[in-house]
Structures are given as structure tokens and as C-alpha cells.
Amino acid sequence: MLDVLDKEKMPDPIYREDEIEHMPEDIKREHWHSYLGSFKNFSKDDIKEMRVGYFASLTFLDQEIGKVLKALEDKGIAKNTLVIFTSDHGDMLGDHQLIVKGAFFYDPSVRVL
């Protein structure tokens, strides 16, 4: 899947350097003590590698859903078929200086790409 992923179009993490100072304490805890460890334990390359894996998964998912939609078209039932796809959450992957999902409402966690 990595051969299909355009890494140049993959967005960098979004955050401000001083952002963590202004966060509520429960979010600061996730920054320092997530189940993967502290944000500071991960280099920019580590985070980029995580993001590549995540976006490669999305690329794979997009291709597979495309196959389902094509099969519906080929059978002539696409116009009479409702396809619903849901997911429970995204991951932070460096956005807002956080690594994993958590109990906060930042777009990367609640709005799955």
C-alpha cells in the first residue's frame, strides 16, 4: 500500500510549540503519559512513520470500498443500495502534541478522515 500512498500530500502534524502549556490538565496527562508513553519520546521521524502507516491504511480502505462500490455498479444495484461506513475514532498522530486518541474533542480524534 505504501507504493500507492503519495507521501508528499500527507499532512504534517498540526500544533503550536507552546500549545501544551495552555491545555487542561487531563489533556496534559495524555501528552506526558499516554499508553504509548510521552510525546517527547517520539522523534519527528517516528511520528512521520506513524502517520505513513495510518494514511496507508486509509488508502487501502479507500481502494477496498471502491471495489465494493464497483461491484454494486456492475450488478446494476448501486442506485438502489445504501452503503454506510462508520468508524469509532481517529488518532492524534502528533497533532496538538498528542500521540493517541483520548477524551478530548480535537478533529483528528473525533473526525475520522
C-alpha atoms as a PDB file:
ATOM      1  CA  MET A   1       0.000   0.000   0.000  1.00  0.00           C
ATOM      2  CA  LEU A   2       2.933   2.306   0.578  1.00  0.00           C
ATOM      3  CA  ASP A   3       3.630   2.320  -3.162  1.00  0.00           C
ATOM      4  CA  VAL A   4       0.194   3.912  -3.777  1.00  0.00           C
ATOM      5  CA  LEU A   5       0.357   6.459  -0.957  1.00  0.00           C
ATOM      6  CA  ASP A   6       1.542   9.914  -2.058  1.00  0.00           C
ATOM      7  CA  LYS A   7       3.669  10.872   0.963  1.00  0.00           C
ATOM      8  CA  GLU A   8       4.119  14.395  -0.423  1.00  0.00           C
ATOM      9  CA  LYS A   9       0.384  15.048   0.042  1.00  0.00           C
ATOM     10  CA  MET A  10       0.339  13.642   3.567  1.00  0.00           C
ATOM     11  CA  PRO A  11      -0.207  16.495   6.051  1.00  0.00           C
ATOM     12  CA  ASP A  12       2.312  17.242   8.782  1.00  0.00           C
ATOM     13  CA  PRO A  13       1.103  17.240  12.382  1.00  0.00           C
ATOM     14  CA  ILE A  14      -0.609  20.470  13.405  1.00  0.00           C
ATOM     15  CA  TYR A  15       0.384  22.118  16.670  1.00  0.00           C
ATOM     16  CA  ARG A  16       1.967  25.193  18.195  1.00  0.00           C
ATOM     17  CA  GLU A  17       5.152  24.807  20.224  1.00  0.00           C
ATOM     18  CA  ASP A  18       3.572  26.424  23.311  1.00  0.00           C
ATOM     19  CA  GLU A  19       0.226  24.661  22.927  1.00  0.00           C
ATOM     20  CA  ILE A  20       0.711  22.150  25.745  1.00  0.00           C
ATOM     21  CA  GLU A  21       1.164  24.970  28.285  1.00  0.00           C
ATOM     22  CA  HIS A  22      -2.411  26.140  27.650  1.00  0.00           C
ATOM     23  CA  MET A  23      -4.134  22.747  27.757  1.00  0.00           C
ATOM     24  CA  PRO A  24      -6.330  21.436  30.557  1.00  0.00           C
ATOM     25  CA  GLU A  25      -4.577  19.084  32.983  1.00  0.00           C
ATOM     26  CA  ASP A  26      -6.287  15.923  31.702  1.00  0.00           C
ATOM     27  CA  ILE A  27      -5.017  16.581  28.182  1.00  0.00           C
ATOM     28  CA  LYS A  28      -1.527  17.394  29.511  1.00  0.00           C
ATOM     29  CA  ARG A  29      -1.546  13.938  31.134  1.00  0.00           C
ATOM     30  CA  GLU A  30      -2.107  12.372  27.706  1.00  0.00           C
ATOM     31  CA  HIS A  31       0.789  14.427  26.354  1.00  0.00           C
ATOM     32  CA  TRP A  32       3.164  13.185  29.063  1.00  0.00           C
ATOM     33  CA  HIS A  33       1.732   9.756  29.933  1.00  0.00           C
ATOM     34  CA  SER A  34      -0.252   8.189  27.089  1.00  0.00           C
ATOM     35  CA  TYR A  35      -0.331   4.411  26.845  1.00  0.00           C
ATOM     36  CA  LEU A  36       2.459   4.728  24.254  1.00  0.00           C
ATOM     37  CA  GLY A  37       4.494   6.989  26.513  1.00  0.00           C
ATOM     38  CA  SER A  38       5.330  10.670  26.447  1.00  0.00           C
ATOM     39  CA  PHE A  39       5.048  12.701  23.255  1.00  0.00           C
ATOM     40  CA  LYS A  40       8.655  13.803  23.860  1.00  0.00           C
ATOM     41  CA  ASN A  41       9.825  10.166  23.440  1.00  0.00           C
ATOM     42  CA  PHE A  42       8.951  10.276  19.734  1.00  0.00           C
ATOM     43  CA  SER A  43      11.111  11.955  17.127  1.00  0.00           C
ATOM     44  CA  LYS A  44       9.666  13.760  14.109  1.00  0.00           C
ATOM     45  CA  ASP A  45      10.675  10.697  12.056  1.00  0.00           C
ATOM     46  CA  ASP A  46       8.823   8.380  14.463  1.00  0.00           C
ATOM     47  CA  ILE A  47       5.679  10.470  14.132  1.00  0.00           C
ATOM     48  CA  LYS A  48       6.015  10.643  10.340  1.00  0.00           C
ATOM     49  CA  GLU A  49       6.307   6.834  10.249  1.00  0.00           C
ATOM     50  CA  MET A  50       3.129   6.515  12.358  1.00  0.00           C
ATOM     51  CA  ARG A  51       1.326   8.896  10.022  1.00  0.00           C
ATOM     52  CA  VAL A  52       2.519   6.980   6.954  1.00  0.00           C
ATOM     53  CA  GLY A  53       1.062   3.782   8.432  1.00  0.00           C
ATOM     54  CA  TYR A  54      -2.228   5.476   9.231  1.00  0.00           C
ATOM     55  CA  PHE A  55      -2.582   7.092   5.813  1.00  0.00           C
ATOM     56  CA  ALA A  56      -1.560   3.845   4.093  1.00  0.00           C
ATOM     57  CA  SER A  57      -4.415   2.149   5.981  1.00  0.00           C
ATOM     58  CA  LEU A  58      -6.809   4.846   4.773  1.00  0.00           C
ATOM     59  CA  THR A  59      -5.559   4.412   1.210  1.00  0.00           C
ATOM     60  CA  PHE A  60      -6.129   0.643   1.438  1.00  0.00           C
ATOM     61  CA  LEU A  61      -9.600   1.185   2.886  1.00  0.00           C
ATOM     62  CA  ASP A  62     -10.446   3.623   0.093  1.00  0.00           C
ATOM     63  CA  GLN A  63      -9.416   1.072  -2.534  1.00  0.00           C
ATOM     64  CA  GLU A  64     -11.427  -1.715  -0.914  1.00  0.00           C
ATOM     65  CA  ILE A  65     -14.553   0.424  -0.601  1.00  0.00           C
ATOM     66  CA  GLY A  66     -14.056   1.318  -4.260  1.00  0.00           C
ATOM     67  CA  LYS A  67     -14.204  -2.397  -5.102  1.00  0.00           C
ATOM     68  CA  VAL A  68     -17.493  -2.763  -3.227  1.00  0.00           C
ATOM     69  CA  LEU A  69     -18.998   0.251  -4.990  1.00  0.00           C
ATOM     70  CA  LYS A  70     -17.816  -1.035  -8.375  1.00  0.00           C
ATOM     71  CA  ALA A  71     -19.348  -4.459  -7.678  1.00  0.00           C
ATOM     72  CA  LEU A  72     -22.673  -2.769  -6.885  1.00  0.00           C
ATOM     73  CA  GLU A  73     -22.434  -0.802 -10.156  1.00  0.00           C
ATOM     74  CA  ASP A  74     -21.535  -3.944 -12.123  1.00  0.00           C
ATOM     75  CA  LYS A  75     -24.592  -5.741 -10.715  1.00  0.00           C
ATOM     76  CA  GLY A  76     -26.788  -2.754 -11.558  1.00  0.00           C
ATOM     77  CA  ILE A  77     -27.921  -2.272  -7.968  1.00  0.00           C
ATOM     78  CA  ALA A  78     -25.867   0.755  -6.925  1.00  0.00           C
ATOM     79  CA  LYS A  79     -28.751   3.226  -7.334  1.00  0.00           C
ATOM     80  CA  ASN A  80     -30.943   1.126  -5.026  1.00  0.00           C
ATOM     81  CA  THR A  81     -28.286   0.384  -2.423  1.00  0.00           C
ATOM     82  CA  LEU A  82     -27.388   2.437   0.617  1.00  0.00           C
ATOM     83  CA  VAL A  83     -23.793   1.961   1.751  1.00  0.00           C
ATOM     84  CA  ILE A  84     -22.996   3.080   5.290  1.00  0.00           C
ATOM     85  CA  PHE A  85     -19.472   3.153   6.670  1.00  0.00           C
ATOM     86  CA  THR A  86     -18.718   4.116  10.258  1.00  0.00           C
ATOM     87  CA  SER A  87     -15.680   4.249  12.490  1.00  0.00           C
ATOM     88  CA  ASP A  88     -15.284   4.910  16.180  1.00  0.00           C
ATOM     89  CA  HIS A  89     -12.364   7.381  16.204  1.00  0.00           C
ATOM     90  CA  GLY A  90      -9.163   8.619  14.634  1.00  0.00           C
ATOM     91  CA  ASP A  91      -5.779   9.060  16.287  1.00  0.00           C
ATOM     92  CA  MET A  92      -3.804  12.178  17.067  1.00  0.00           C
ATOM     93  CA  LEU A  93      -0.505  11.034  15.479  1.00  0.00           C
ATOM     94  CA  GLY A  94       1.382  14.132  16.598  1.00  0.00           C
ATOM     95  CA  ASP A  95      -1.407  16.677  16.183  1.00  0.00           C
ATOM     96  CA  HIS A  96      -1.629  19.012  19.191  1.00  0.00           C
ATOM     97  CA  GLN A  97       1.477  17.260  20.597  1.00  0.00           C
ATOM     98  CA  LEU A  98      -0.550  14.117  21.311  1.00  0.00           C
ATOM     99  CA  ILE A  99       0.023  10.609  20.000  1.00  0.00           C
ATOM    100  CA  VAL A 100      -3.127   8.567  20.607  1.00  0.00           C
ATOM    101  CA  LYS A 101      -6.866   9.067  20.859  1.00  0.00           C
ATOM    102  CA  GLY A 102      -8.177  10.332  24.145  1.00  0.00           C
ATOM    103  CA  ALA A 103     -11.008  12.013  25.953  1.00  0.00           C
ATOM    104  CA  PHE A 104     -10.782  15.266  24.022  1.00  0.00           C
ATOM    105  CA  PHE A 105     -12.541  16.699  21.011  1.00  0.00           C
ATOM    106  CA  TYR A 106      -9.798  17.638  18.593  1.00  0.00           C
ATOM    107  CA  ASP A 107     -10.705  16.971  14.959  1.00  0.00           C
ATOM    108  CA  PRO A 108      -8.086  14.238  14.372  1.00  0.00           C
ATOM    109  CA  SER A 109      -9.621  12.173  17.154  1.00  0.00           C
ATOM    110  CA  VAL A 110     -13.339  12.693  16.535  1.00  0.00           C
ATOM    111  CA  ARG A 111     -13.488  13.411  12.804  1.00  0.00           C
ATOM    112  CA  VAL A 112     -12.112  10.407  11.008  1.00  0.00           C
ATOM    113  CA  LEU A 113     -10.556  11.305   7.660  1.00  0.00           C
END
